[in-house]
């Protein structure tokens, strides 16, 4: 049964929620998690290189996964694009 109109509902954490949670609002530690996961995936690449596994199916799989991790963060956060530019700007262009 839904609560009466006009009353606030406590979230599972016990706080009042005025905005929706979920995929639209990533956590503030998302960039830190991406950095840590990138380091972990780099270890996977190093291990596969050492074992001389096939390049595109095994060795580069952590790279593919890393791109999937970082692409949404770069698209959502303009400050990350300033720190990690994918394309260099030409001199004199704004």
PDB file of N, CA and C in Angstrom:
ATOM      1  N   UNK A   1       0.846  -1.165   0.000  1.00  0.00           N
ATOM      2  CA  UNK A   1       0.000   0.000   0.000  1.00  0.00           C
ATOM      3  C   UNK A   1       0.900   1.239   0.000  1.00  0.00           C
ATOM      4  N   UNK A   2       0.699   2.172  -0.937  1.00  0.00           N
ATOM      5  CA  UNK A   2       1.543   3.358  -1.004  1.00  0.00           C
ATOM      6  C   UNK A   2       1.277   4.295   0.169  1.00  0.00           C
ATOM      7  N   UNK A   3       2.274   5.123   0.519  1.00  0.00           N
ATOM      8  CA  UNK A   3       2.081   6.068   1.624  1.00  0.00           C
ATOM      9  C   UNK A   3       1.076   7.148   1.239  1.00  0.00           C
ATOM     10  N   UNK A   4       0.462   7.777   2.226  1.00  0.00           N
ATOM     11  CA  UNK A   4      -0.488   8.864   1.932  1.00  0.00           C
ATOM     12  C   UNK A   4       0.214   9.997   1.180  1.00  0.00           C
ATOM     13  N   UNK A   5      -0.542  10.711   0.390  1.00  0.00           N
ATOM     14  CA  UNK A   5       0.012  11.792  -0.426  1.00  0.00           C
ATOM     15  C   UNK A   5       0.644  12.859   0.463  1.00  0.00           C
ATOM     16  N   UNK A   6       1.790  13.371   0.045  1.00  0.00           N
ATOM     17  CA  UNK A   6       2.457  14.448   0.769  1.00  0.00           C
ATOM     18  C   UNK A   6       3.434  13.977   1.832  1.00  0.00           C
ATOM     19  N   UNK A   7       3.478  12.695   2.134  1.00  0.00           N
ATOM     20  CA  UNK A   7       4.400  12.200   3.153  1.00  0.00           C
ATOM     21  C   UNK A   7       5.662  11.673   2.492  1.00  0.00           C
ATOM     22  N   UNK A   8       6.798  11.892   3.148  1.00  0.00           N
ATOM     23  CA  UNK A   8       8.073  11.419   2.632  1.00  0.00           C
ATOM     24  C   UNK A   8       8.316   9.996   3.140  1.00  0.00           C
ATOM     25  N   UNK A   9       8.997   9.237   2.317  1.00  0.00           N
ATOM     26  CA  UNK A   9       9.311   7.856   2.655  1.00  0.00           C
ATOM     27  C   UNK A   9      10.799   7.762   2.951  1.00  0.00           C
ATOM     28  N   UNK A  10      11.151   7.046   4.002  1.00  0.00           N
ATOM     29  CA  UNK A  10      12.556   6.844   4.327  1.00  0.00           C
ATOM     30  C   UNK A  10      13.176   5.854   3.350  1.00  0.00           C
ATOM     31  N   UNK A  11      14.398   6.177   2.908  1.00  0.00           N
ATOM     32  CA  UNK A  11      15.117   5.254   2.038  1.00  0.00           C
ATOM     33  C   UNK A  11      15.652   4.107   2.894  1.00  0.00           C
ATOM     34  N   UNK A  12      16.132   3.036   2.270  1.00  0.00           N
ATOM     35  CA  UNK A  12      16.650   1.911   3.056  1.00  0.00           C
ATOM     36  C   UNK A  12      17.789   2.305   3.995  1.00  0.00           C
ATOM     37  N   UNK A  13      18.536   3.367   3.654  1.00  0.00           N
ATOM     38  CA  UNK A  13      19.630   3.787   4.518  1.00  0.00           C
ATOM     39  C   UNK A  13      19.127   4.647   5.679  1.00  0.00           C
ATOM     40  N   UNK A  14      17.858   4.968   5.708  1.00  0.00           N
ATOM     41  CA  UNK A  14      17.294   5.747   6.797  1.00  0.00           C
ATOM     42  C   UNK A  14      17.306   7.247   6.565  1.00  0.00           C
ATOM     43  N   UNK A  15      17.657   7.670   5.355  1.00  0.00           N
ATOM     44  CA  UNK A  15      17.679   9.092   5.050  1.00  0.00           C
ATOM     45  C   UNK A  15      16.501   9.440   4.162  1.00  0.00           C
ATOM     46  N   UNK A  16      16.110  10.713   4.186  1.00  0.00           N
ATOM     47  CA  UNK A  16      15.077  11.174   3.272  1.00  0.00           C
ATOM     48  C   UNK A  16      15.697  11.339   1.896  1.00  0.00           C
ATOM     49  N   UNK A  17      14.992  10.921   0.893  1.00  0.00           N
ATOM     50  CA  UNK A  17      15.506  10.998  -0.459  1.00  0.00           C
ATOM     51  C   UNK A  17      14.659  11.969  -1.262  1.00  0.00           C
ATOM     52  N   UNK A  18      15.272  13.061  -1.715  1.00  0.00           N
ATOM     53  CA  UNK A  18      14.561  14.037  -2.527  1.00  0.00           C
ATOM     54  C   UNK A  18      14.837  13.842  -4.005  1.00  0.00           C
ATOM     55  N   UNK A  19      15.855  13.063  -4.345  1.00  0.00           N
ATOM     56  CA  UNK A  19      16.182  12.827  -5.747  1.00  0.00           C
ATOM     57  C   UNK A  19      16.284  11.327  -5.993  1.00  0.00           C
ATOM     58  N   UNK A  20      16.057  10.926  -7.235  1.00  0.00           N
ATOM     59  CA  UNK A  20      16.139   9.490  -7.528  1.00  0.00           C
ATOM     60  C   UNK A  20      17.579   9.011  -7.496  1.00  0.00           C
ATOM     61  N   UNK A  21      17.765   7.763  -7.113  1.00  0.00           N
ATOM     62  CA  UNK A  21      19.096   7.156  -7.075  1.00  0.00           C
ATOM     63  C   UNK A  21      19.226   6.197  -8.239  1.00  0.00           C
ATOM     64  N   UNK A  22      20.429   5.852  -8.557  1.00  0.00           N
ATOM     65  CA  UNK A  22      20.630   4.843  -9.591  1.00  0.00           C
ATOM     66  C   UNK A  22      21.625   5.277 -10.630  1.00  0.00           C
ATOM     67  N   UNK A  23      21.399   4.842 -11.859  1.00  0.00           N
ATOM     68  CA  UNK A  23      22.363   5.045 -12.933  1.00  0.00           C
ATOM     69  C   UNK A  23      22.519   6.514 -13.322  1.00  0.00           C
ATOM     70  N   UNK A  24      21.530   7.342 -13.040  1.00  0.00           N
ATOM     71  CA  UNK A  24      21.628   8.749 -13.418  1.00  0.00           C
ATOM     72  C   UNK A  24      22.579   9.525 -12.522  1.00  0.00           C
ATOM     73  N   UNK A  25      22.856   9.024 -11.350  1.00  0.00           N
ATOM     74  CA  UNK A  25      23.718   9.698 -10.388  1.00  0.00           C
ATOM     75  C   UNK A  25      24.811   8.741  -9.926  1.00  0.00           C
ATOM     76  N   UNK A  26      25.918   8.704 -10.685  1.00  0.00           N
ATOM     77  CA  UNK A  26      26.984   7.786 -10.259  1.00  0.00           C
ATOM     78  C   UNK A  26      27.610   8.250  -8.949  1.00  0.00           C
ATOM     79  N   UNK A  27      28.172   7.352  -8.183  1.00  0.00           N
ATOM     80  CA  UNK A  27      28.769   7.730  -6.903  1.00  0.00           C
ATOM     81  C   UNK A  27      29.984   8.634  -7.108  1.00  0.00           C
ATOM     82  N   UNK A  28      30.308   9.406  -6.068  1.00  0.00           N
ATOM     83  CA  UNK A  28      31.437  10.332  -6.161  1.00  0.00           C
ATOM     84  C   UNK A  28      32.764   9.595  -6.280  1.00  0.00           C
ATOM     85  N   UNK A  29      32.813   8.346  -5.906  1.00  0.00           N
ATOM     86  CA  UNK A  29      34.056   7.573  -5.965  1.00  0.00           C
ATOM     87  C   UNK A  29      34.188   6.780  -7.265  1.00  0.00           C
ATOM     88  N   UNK A  30      33.374   7.094  -8.271  1.00  0.00           N
ATOM     89  CA  UNK A  30      33.408   6.344  -9.526  1.00  0.00           C
ATOM     90  C   UNK A  30      34.757   6.476 -10.228  1.00  0.00           C
ATOM     91  N   UNK A  31      35.351   7.655 -10.190  1.00  0.00           N
ATOM     92  CA  UNK A  31      36.642   7.847 -10.852  1.00  0.00           C
ATOM     93  C   UNK A  31      37.732   7.066 -10.119  1.00  0.00           C
ATOM     94  N   UNK A  32      37.712   7.100  -8.802  1.00  0.00           N
ATOM     95  CA  UNK A  32      38.686   6.322  -8.032  1.00  0.00           C
ATOM     96  C   UNK A  32      38.535   4.834  -8.328  1.00  0.00           C
ATOM     97  N   UNK A  33      37.318   4.360  -8.381  1.00  0.00           N
ATOM     98  CA  UNK A  33      37.082   2.955  -8.718  1.00  0.00           C
ATOM     99  C   UNK A  33      37.581   2.617 -10.115  1.00  0.00           C
ATOM    100  N   UNK A  34      37.396   3.552 -11.054  1.00  0.00           N
ATOM    101  CA  UNK A  34      37.901   3.340 -12.404  1.00  0.00           C
ATOM    102  C   UNK A  34      39.416   3.260 -12.445  1.00  0.00           C
ATOM    103  N   UNK A  35      40.081   4.113 -11.660  1.00  0.00           N
ATOM    104  CA  UNK A  35      41.543   4.074 -11.599  1.00  0.00           C
ATOM    105  C   UNK A  35      42.042   2.759 -11.005  1.00  0.00           C
ATOM    106  N   UNK A  36      41.421   2.331  -9.921  1.00  0.00           N
ATOM    107  CA  UNK A  36      41.838   1.074  -9.289  1.00  0.00           C
ATOM    108  C   UNK A  36      41.582  -0.117 -10.204  1.00  0.00           C
ATOM    109  N   UNK A  37      40.435  -0.106 -10.892  1.00  0.00           N
ATOM    110  CA  UNK A  37      40.124  -1.202 -11.807  1.00  0.00           C
ATOM    111  C   UNK A  37      41.075  -1.207 -12.997  1.00  0.00           C
ATOM    112  N   UNK A  38      41.504  -0.021 -13.451  1.00  0.00           N
ATOM    113  CA  UNK A  38      42.462   0.058 -14.547  1.00  0.00           C
ATOM    114  C   UNK A  38      43.789  -0.571 -14.148  1.00  0.00           C
ATOM    115  N   UNK A  39      44.244  -0.313 -12.933  1.00  0.00           N
ATOM    116  CA  UNK A  39      45.472  -0.943 -12.454  1.00  0.00           C
ATOM    117  C   UNK A  39      45.348  -2.451 -12.375  1.00  0.00           C
ATOM    118  N   UNK A  40      44.211  -2.913 -11.912  1.00  0.00           N
ATOM    119  CA  UNK A  40      43.973  -4.360 -11.819  1.00  0.00           C
ATOM    120  C   UNK A  40      43.970  -4.993 -13.207  1.00  0.00           C
ATOM    121  N   UNK A  41      43.333  -4.335 -14.158  1.00  0.00           N
ATOM    122  CA  UNK A  41      43.287  -4.857 -15.521  1.00  0.00           C
ATOM    123  C   UNK A  41      44.665  -4.829 -16.174  1.00  0.00           C
ATOM    124  N   UNK A  42      45.487  -3.834 -15.809  1.00  0.00           N
ATOM    125  CA  UNK A  42      46.852  -3.801 -16.315  1.00  0.00           C
ATOM    126  C   UNK A  42      47.638  -5.023 -15.868  1.00  0.00           C
ATOM    127  N   UNK A  43      47.378  -5.489 -14.671  1.00  0.00           N
ATOM    128  CA  UNK A  43      48.004  -6.726 -14.206  1.00  0.00           C
ATOM    129  C   UNK A  43      47.556  -7.925 -15.022  1.00  0.00           C
ATOM    130  N   UNK A  44      46.299  -7.910 -15.452  1.00  0.00           N
ATOM    131  CA  UNK A  44      45.810  -8.990 -16.311  1.00  0.00           C
ATOM    132  C   UNK A  44      46.506  -8.998 -17.663  1.00  0.00           C
ATOM    133  N   UNK A  45      46.747  -7.814 -18.218  1.00  0.00           N
ATOM    134  CA  UNK A  45      47.472  -7.724 -19.484  1.00  0.00           C
ATOM    135  C   UNK A  45      48.897  -8.238 -19.301  1.00  0.00           C
ATOM    136  N   UNK A  46      49.546  -7.815 -18.223  1.00  0.00           N
ATOM    137  CA  UNK A  46      50.930  -8.241 -17.979  1.00  0.00           C
ATOM    138  C   UNK A  46      51.013  -9.761 -17.807  1.00  0.00           C
ATOM    139  N   UNK A  47      50.068 -10.335 -17.092  1.00  0.00           N
ATOM    140  CA  UNK A  47      50.084 -11.784 -16.887  1.00  0.00           C
ATOM    141  C   UNK A  47      49.875 -12.528 -18.206  1.00  0.00           C
ATOM    142  N   UNK A  48      48.956 -12.032 -19.038  1.00  0.00           N
ATOM    143  CA  UNK A  48      48.710 -12.690 -20.321  1.00  0.00           C
ATOM    144  C   UNK A  48      49.891 -12.526 -21.274  1.00  0.00           C
ATOM    145  N   UNK A  49      50.577 -11.392 -21.205  1.00  0.00           N
ATOM    146  CA  UNK A  49      51.780 -11.227 -22.021  1.00  0.00           C
ATOM    147  C   UNK A  49      52.862 -12.200 -21.579  1.00  0.00           C
ATOM    148  N   UNK A  50      53.011 -12.357 -20.280  1.00  0.00           N
ATOM    149  CA  UNK A  50      54.039 -13.258 -19.756  1.00  0.00           C
ATOM    150  C   UNK A  50      53.758 -14.703 -20.155  1.00  0.00           C
ATOM    151  N   UNK A  51      52.493 -15.087 -20.161  1.00  0.00           N
ATOM    152  CA  UNK A  51      52.116 -16.456 -20.523  1.00  0.00           C
ATOM    153  C   UNK A  51      52.043 -16.667 -22.030  1.00  0.00           C
ATOM    154  N   UNK A  52      52.265 -15.594 -22.799  1.00  0.00           N
ATOM    155  CA  UNK A  52      52.242 -15.631 -24.261  1.00  0.00           C
ATOM    156  C   UNK A  52      50.908 -16.143 -24.799  1.00  0.00           C
ATOM    157  N   UNK A  53      49.818 -15.686 -24.208  1.00  0.00           N
ATOM    158  CA  UNK A  53      48.490 -16.022 -24.710  1.00  0.00           C
ATOM    159  C   UNK A  53      48.232 -15.268 -26.003  1.00  0.00           C
ATOM    160  N   UNK A  54      47.191 -15.673 -26.729  1.00  0.00           N
ATOM    161  CA  UNK A  54      46.871 -15.010 -27.991  1.00  0.00           C
ATOM    162  C   UNK A  54      46.540 -13.540 -27.735  1.00  0.00           C
ATOM    163  N   UNK A  55      46.926 -12.690 -28.672  1.00  0.00           N
ATOM    164  CA  UNK A  55      46.875 -11.247 -28.449  1.00  0.00           C
ATOM    165  C   UNK A  55      45.453 -10.716 -28.361  1.00  0.00           C
ATOM    166  N   UNK A  56      44.627 -10.928 -29.389  1.00  0.00           N
ATOM    167  CA  UNK A  56      43.332 -10.258 -29.461  1.00  0.00           C
ATOM    168  C   UNK A  56      42.264 -10.887 -28.580  1.00  0.00           C
ATOM    169  N   UNK A  57      42.329 -12.183 -28.332  1.00  0.00           N
ATOM    170  CA  UNK A  57      41.269 -12.807 -27.537  1.00  0.00           C
ATOM    171  C   UNK A  57      41.560 -12.785 -26.041  1.00  0.00           C
ATOM    172  N   UNK A  58      42.817 -12.985 -25.642  1.00  0.00           N
ATOM    173  CA  UNK A  58      43.125 -13.066 -24.221  1.00  0.00           C
ATOM    174  C   UNK A  58      43.863 -11.840 -23.702  1.00  0.00           C
ATOM    175  N   UNK A  59      44.937 -11.474 -24.370  1.00  0.00           N
ATOM    176  CA  UNK A  59      45.812 -10.435 -23.836  1.00  0.00           C
ATOM    177  C   UNK A  59      45.139  -9.070 -23.841  1.00  0.00           C
ATOM    178  N   UNK A  60      44.437  -8.720 -24.894  1.00  0.00           N
ATOM    179  CA  UNK A  60      43.826  -7.393 -24.978  1.00  0.00           C
ATOM    180  C   UNK A  60      42.424  -7.322 -24.393  1.00  0.00           C
ATOM    181  N   UNK A  61      41.881  -8.429 -23.896  1.00  0.00           N
ATOM    182  CA  UNK A  61      40.547  -8.367 -23.303  1.00  0.00           C
ATOM    183  C   UNK A  61      40.464  -7.376 -22.143  1.00  0.00           C
ATOM    184  N   UNK A  62      41.439  -7.315 -21.234  1.00  0.00           N
ATOM    185  CA  UNK A  62      41.361  -6.289 -20.184  1.00  0.00           C
ATOM    186  C   UNK A  62      41.389  -4.863 -20.732  1.00  0.00           C
ATOM    187  N   UNK A  63      42.045  -4.652 -21.850  1.00  0.00           N
ATOM    188  CA  UNK A  63      42.047  -3.319 -22.471  1.00  0.00           C
ATOM    189  C   UNK A  63      40.647  -2.989 -22.978  1.00  0.00           C
ATOM    190  N   UNK A  64      40.001  -3.943 -23.633  1.00  0.00           N
ATOM    191  CA  UNK A  64      38.631  -3.724 -24.107  1.00  0.00           C
ATOM    192  C   UNK A  64      37.707  -3.393 -22.935  1.00  0.00           C
ATOM    193  N   UNK A  65      37.857  -4.134 -21.865  1.00  0.00           N
ATOM    194  CA  UNK A  65      37.018  -3.908 -20.689  1.00  0.00           C
ATOM    195  C   UNK A  65      37.308  -2.537 -20.069  1.00  0.00           C
ATOM    196  N   UNK A  66      38.571  -2.136 -20.048  1.00  0.00           N
ATOM    197  CA  UNK A  66      38.933  -0.822 -19.532  1.00  0.00           C
ATOM    198  C   UNK A  66      38.310   0.300 -20.338  1.00  0.00           C
ATOM    199  N   UNK A  67      38.243   0.137 -21.648  1.00  0.00           N
ATOM    200  CA  UNK A  67      37.578   1.142 -22.485  1.00  0.00           C
ATOM    201  C   UNK A  67      36.098   1.220 -22.125  1.00  0.00           C
ATOM    202  N   UNK A  68      35.478   0.067 -21.889  1.00  0.00           N
ATOM    203  CA  UNK A  68      34.067   0.070 -21.492  1.00  0.00           C
ATOM    204  C   UNK A  68      33.862   0.714 -20.118  1.00  0.00           C
ATOM    205  N   UNK A  69      34.852   0.637 -19.255  1.00  0.00           N
ATOM    206  CA  UNK A  69      34.758   1.254 -17.931  1.00  0.00           C
ATOM    207  C   UNK A  69      34.902   2.768 -18.030  1.00  0.00           C
ATOM    208  N   UNK A  70      35.859   3.243 -18.835  1.00  0.00           N
ATOM    209  CA  UNK A  70      36.170   4.671 -18.875  1.00  0.00           C
ATOM    210  C   UNK A  70      35.292   5.481 -19.823  1.00  0.00           C
ATOM    211  N   UNK A  71      34.759   4.882 -20.862  1.00  0.00           N
ATOM    212  CA  UNK A  71      33.975   5.639 -21.845  1.00  0.00           C
ATOM    213  C   UNK A  71      32.787   6.382 -21.213  1.00  0.00           C
ATOM    214  N   UNK A  72      31.949   5.744 -20.395  1.00  0.00           N
ATOM    215  CA  UNK A  72      30.836   6.489 -19.796  1.00  0.00           C
ATOM    216  C   UNK A  72      31.297   7.595 -18.852  1.00  0.00           C
ATOM    217  N   UNK A  73      32.394   7.376 -18.151  1.00  0.00           N
ATOM    218  CA  UNK A  73      32.893   8.402 -17.232  1.00  0.00           C
ATOM    219  C   UNK A  73      33.385   9.622 -17.996  1.00  0.00           C
ATOM    220  N   UNK A  74      34.056   9.397 -19.103  1.00  0.00           N
ATOM    221  CA  UNK A  74      34.535  10.515 -19.911  1.00  0.00           C
ATOM    222  C   UNK A  74      33.383  11.259 -20.574  1.00  0.00           C
ATOM    223  N   UNK A  75      32.337  10.543 -20.950  1.00  0.00           N
ATOM    224  CA  UNK A  75      31.201  11.200 -21.588  1.00  0.00           C
ATOM    225  C   UNK A  75      30.365  12.011 -20.598  1.00  0.00           C
ATOM    226  N   UNK A  76      30.333  11.598 -19.352  1.00  0.00           N
ATOM    227  CA  UNK A  76      29.508  12.287 -18.352  1.00  0.00           C
ATOM    228  C   UNK A  76      30.214  13.419 -17.631  1.00  0.00           C
ATOM    229  N   UNK A  77      31.521  13.343 -17.500  1.00  0.00           N
ATOM    230  CA  UNK A  77      32.241  14.279 -16.645  1.00  0.00           C
ATOM    231  C   UNK A  77      33.175  15.142 -17.492  1.00  0.00           C
ATOM    232  N   UNK A  78      32.827  16.421 -17.668  1.00  0.00           N
ATOM    233  CA  UNK A  78      33.623  17.331 -18.490  1.00  0.00           C
ATOM    234  C   UNK A  78      34.993  17.588 -17.860  1.00  0.00           C
ATOM    235  N   UNK A  79      35.095  17.522 -16.546  1.00  0.00           N
ATOM    236  CA  UNK A  79      36.389  17.745 -15.896  1.00  0.00           C
ATOM    237  C   UNK A  79      37.381  16.647 -16.233  1.00  0.00           C
ATOM    238  N   UNK A  80      36.899  15.424 -16.416  1.00  0.00           N
ATOM    239  CA  UNK A  80      37.790  14.328 -16.804  1.00  0.00           C
ATOM    240  C   UNK A  80      38.337  14.529 -18.211  1.00  0.00           C
ATOM    241  N   UNK A  81      37.523  15.098 -19.098  1.00  0.00           N
ATOM    242  CA  UNK A  81      37.981  15.346 -20.460  1.00  0.00           C
ATOM    243  C   UNK A  81      39.105  16.377 -20.448  1.00  0.00           C
ATOM    244  N   UNK A  82      39.043  17.344 -19.531  1.00  0.00           N
ATOM    245  CA  UNK A  82      40.118  18.328 -19.417  1.00  0.00           C
ATOM    246  C   UNK A  82      41.399  17.683 -18.906  1.00  0.00           C
ATOM    247  N   UNK A  83      41.282  16.735 -17.988  1.00  0.00           N
ATOM    248  CA  UNK A  83      42.451  16.081 -17.416  1.00  0.00           C
ATOM    249  C   UNK A  83      43.017  15.031 -18.379  1.00  0.00           C
ATOM    250  N   UNK A  84      42.154  14.277 -19.031  1.00  0.00           N
ATOM    251  CA  UNK A  84      42.560  13.206 -19.938  1.00  0.00           C
ATOM    252  C   UNK A  84      42.064  13.495 -21.356  1.00  0.00           C
ATOM    253  N   UNK A  85      42.639  14.479 -22.042  1.00  0.00           N
ATOM    254  CA  UNK A  85      42.124  14.796 -23.384  1.00  0.00           C
ATOM    255  C   UNK A  85      42.461  13.683 -24.373  1.00  0.00           C
ATOM    256  N   UNK A  86      41.480  13.299 -25.152  1.00  0.00           N
ATOM    257  CA  UNK A  86      41.698  12.267 -26.170  1.00  0.00           C
ATOM    258  C   UNK A  86      42.204  12.879 -27.474  1.00  0.00           C
ATOM    259  N   UNK A  87      41.888  14.148 -27.688  1.00  0.00           N
ATOM    260  CA  UNK A  87      42.314  14.860 -28.898  1.00  0.00           C
ATOM    261  C   UNK A  87      42.980  16.149 -28.456  1.00  0.00           C
ATOM    262  N   UNK A  88      44.149  16.436 -29.016  1.00  0.00           N
ATOM    263  CA  UNK A  88      44.843  17.672 -28.671  1.00  0.00           C
ATOM    264  C   UNK A  88      44.236  18.835 -29.439  1.00  0.00           C
ATOM    265  N   UNK A  89      44.107  19.971 -28.775  1.00  0.00           N
ATOM    266  CA  UNK A  89      43.608  21.168 -29.447  1.00  0.00           C
ATOM    267  C   UNK A  89      44.761  21.842 -30.179  1.00  0.00           C
ATOM    268  N   UNK A  90      44.445  22.444 -31.295  1.00  0.00           N
ATOM    269  CA  UNK A  90      45.457  23.177 -32.053  1.00  0.00           C
ATOM    270  C   UNK A  90      45.709  24.514 -31.402  1.00  0.00           C
ATOM    271  N   UNK A  91      46.887  25.039 -31.642  1.00  0.00           N
ATOM    272  CA  UNK A  91      47.231  26.357 -31.117  1.00  0.00           C
ATOM    273  C   UNK A  91      46.327  27.402 -31.761  1.00  0.00           C
ATOM    274  N   UNK A  92      45.778  28.274 -30.950  1.00  0.00           N
ATOM    275  CA  UNK A  92      44.940  29.370 -31.435  1.00  0.00           C
ATOM    276  C   UNK A  92      43.472  29.038 -31.549  1.00  0.00           C
ATOM    277  N   UNK A  93      43.077  27.785 -31.388  1.00  0.00           N
ATOM    278  CA  UNK A  93      41.645  27.450 -31.435  1.00  0.00           C
ATOM    279  C   UNK A  93      41.099  27.446 -30.019  1.00  0.00           C
ATOM    280  N   UNK A  94      39.847  27.835 -29.895  1.00  0.00           N
ATOM    281  CA  UNK A  94      39.240  27.937 -28.568  1.00  0.00           C
ATOM    282  C   UNK A  94      38.397  26.765 -28.231  1.00  0.00           C
TER     283      UNK A  94
END
